[in-house]
Amino acid sequence: MSLDHEEYVERVLQCVESIPRGRVSTYGAIAEVVGALLGGGGPRLVGSTMAQHGGGVTWWRVVRADGSLPPSHLEEARWHYLEEGTPLRPNGSVDIRKAFWRPPALRAD
């Protein structure tokens, strides 16, 4: 199956919108779930998708595997983390062990 760009974007955003308040997922976890359904795409494609289309969703709930965000997003994200009660480490990054949420498998409706 070839990767349909519009469907890929839609599914990535669907995953991001399903992350509960105070929890986070990673680019890799989202890539795994969306890729399993659509047959491709890795964490970098999820990052690119979020950079281009993720402004209207809860983008701060998607972090790197170590719980960090790019420095350009950190200040705004920190406000959301504090407001949502997201577990943080002393260095300000998300405590991935406490906050991680694995997206469920997607259905091909």
Protein backbone atom coordinates (compact mmCIF):
# COMPACT_ATOMS: atom_id res chain seq x y z
CA MET A 1 0.00 0.00 0.00
CA SER A 2 1.43 3.41 -0.91
CA LEU A 3 1.40 6.20 1.63
CA ASP A 4 -1.38 8.73 0.96
CA HIS A 5 -0.19 12.13 2.24
CA GLU A 6 -3.60 13.55 3.14
CA GLU A 7 -4.66 10.42 4.99
CA TYR A 8 -1.31 10.29 6.78
CA VAL A 9 -1.72 13.88 7.98
CA GLU A 10 -5.29 13.19 9.09
CA ARG A 11 -4.27 10.08 11.04
CA VAL A 12 -1.31 11.77 12.74
CA LEU A 13 -3.52 14.65 13.86
CA GLN A 14 -6.17 12.16 15.01
CA CYS A 15 -3.57 10.44 17.21
CA VAL A 16 -2.38 13.74 18.66
CA GLU A 17 -5.93 14.86 19.45
CA SER A 18 -6.53 11.61 21.35
CA ILE A 19 -3.64 12.10 23.81
CA PRO A 20 -5.21 12.78 27.23
CA ARG A 21 -4.55 15.95 29.26
CA GLY A 22 -1.42 15.68 31.36
CA ARG A 23 0.02 12.89 29.21
CA VAL A 24 2.36 12.81 26.22
CA SER A 25 3.27 10.53 23.38
CA THR A 26 6.35 10.46 21.19
CA TYR A 27 6.94 11.01 17.51
CA GLY A 28 8.04 7.38 17.31
CA ALA A 29 4.95 5.96 19.02
CA ILE A 30 2.66 7.91 16.70
CA ALA A 31 4.71 6.84 13.67
CA GLU A 32 4.40 3.22 14.77
CA VAL A 33 0.60 3.35 15.04
CA VAL A 34 -0.02 5.38 11.88
CA GLY A 35 2.60 3.43 9.92
CA ALA A 36 1.02 0.11 10.93
CA LEU A 37 -2.25 1.25 9.38
CA LEU A 38 -0.95 3.06 6.33
CA GLY A 39 2.24 1.16 5.59
CA GLY A 40 5.02 3.64 6.23
CA GLY A 41 6.40 6.79 7.75
CA GLY A 42 8.73 7.24 10.70
CA PRO A 43 9.22 9.73 13.53
CA ARG A 44 10.71 12.35 11.23
CA LEU A 45 7.65 12.26 8.99
CA VAL A 46 5.45 12.70 12.06
CA GLY A 47 7.61 15.69 13.09
CA SER A 48 7.36 17.19 9.63
CA THR A 49 3.60 16.64 9.61
CA MET A 50 3.27 18.32 13.00
CA ALA A 51 5.43 21.26 11.89
CA GLN A 52 3.26 21.85 8.82
CA HIS A 53 -0.22 20.91 10.09
CA GLY A 54 -0.14 20.59 13.88
CA GLY A 55 -0.79 24.16 14.97
CA GLY A 56 -4.47 23.49 15.60
CA VAL A 57 -4.01 20.41 17.79
CA THR A 58 -2.42 19.75 21.16
CA TRP A 59 1.11 19.71 19.70
CA TRP A 60 2.80 20.07 23.11
CA ARG A 61 1.67 16.54 23.94
CA VAL A 62 4.07 15.10 21.34
CA VAL A 63 7.67 15.01 22.51
CA ARG A 64 10.98 13.40 21.64
CA ALA A 65 11.73 9.99 23.16
CA ASP A 66 13.69 11.68 25.97
CA GLY A 67 10.72 13.91 26.89
CA SER A 68 12.10 17.08 25.34
CA LEU A 69 10.77 19.53 22.78
CA PRO A 70 12.71 21.80 20.44
CA PRO A 71 13.82 24.88 22.43
CA SER A 72 11.68 27.16 20.24
CA HIS A 73 8.52 25.49 21.62
CA LEU A 74 9.56 25.00 25.22
CA GLU A 75 8.19 28.17 26.82
CA GLU A 76 4.67 27.82 25.41
CA ALA A 77 4.67 24.07 26.04
CA ARG A 78 5.76 24.57 29.66
CA TRP A 79 2.66 26.69 30.29
CA HIS A 80 0.46 23.87 28.95
CA TYR A 81 2.33 21.23 30.97
CA LEU A 82 1.85 23.16 34.20
CA GLU A 83 -1.81 23.87 33.42
CA GLU A 84 -2.48 20.19 32.63
CA GLY A 85 -0.40 18.75 35.47
CA THR A 86 1.98 16.91 33.14
CA PRO A 87 4.79 15.28 35.17
CA LEU A 88 8.07 17.15 34.61
CA ARG A 89 11.67 16.39 35.48
CA PRO A 90 13.83 18.93 37.36
CA ASN A 91 15.43 20.02 34.04
CA GLY A 92 12.00 21.04 32.70
CA SER A 93 11.48 18.24 30.21
CA VAL A 94 8.55 15.86 30.49
CA ASP A 95 9.05 12.85 32.76
CA ILE A 96 8.41 10.35 29.99
CA ARG A 97 8.23 7.39 32.40
CA LYS A 98 5.31 8.96 34.24
CA ALA A 99 3.57 10.83 31.42
CA PHE A 100 3.88 8.48 28.42
CA TRP A 101 0.68 7.42 26.69
CA ARG A 102 0.73 4.84 23.89
CA PRO A 103 -1.76 5.55 21.11
CA PRO A 104 -4.12 2.66 20.44
CA ALA A 105 -4.12 0.90 17.10
CA LEU A 106 -6.01 2.81 14.43
CA ARG A 107 -8.85 1.29 12.44
CA ALA A 108 -9.19 1.68 8.70
CA ASP A 109 -12.74 3.11 8.69
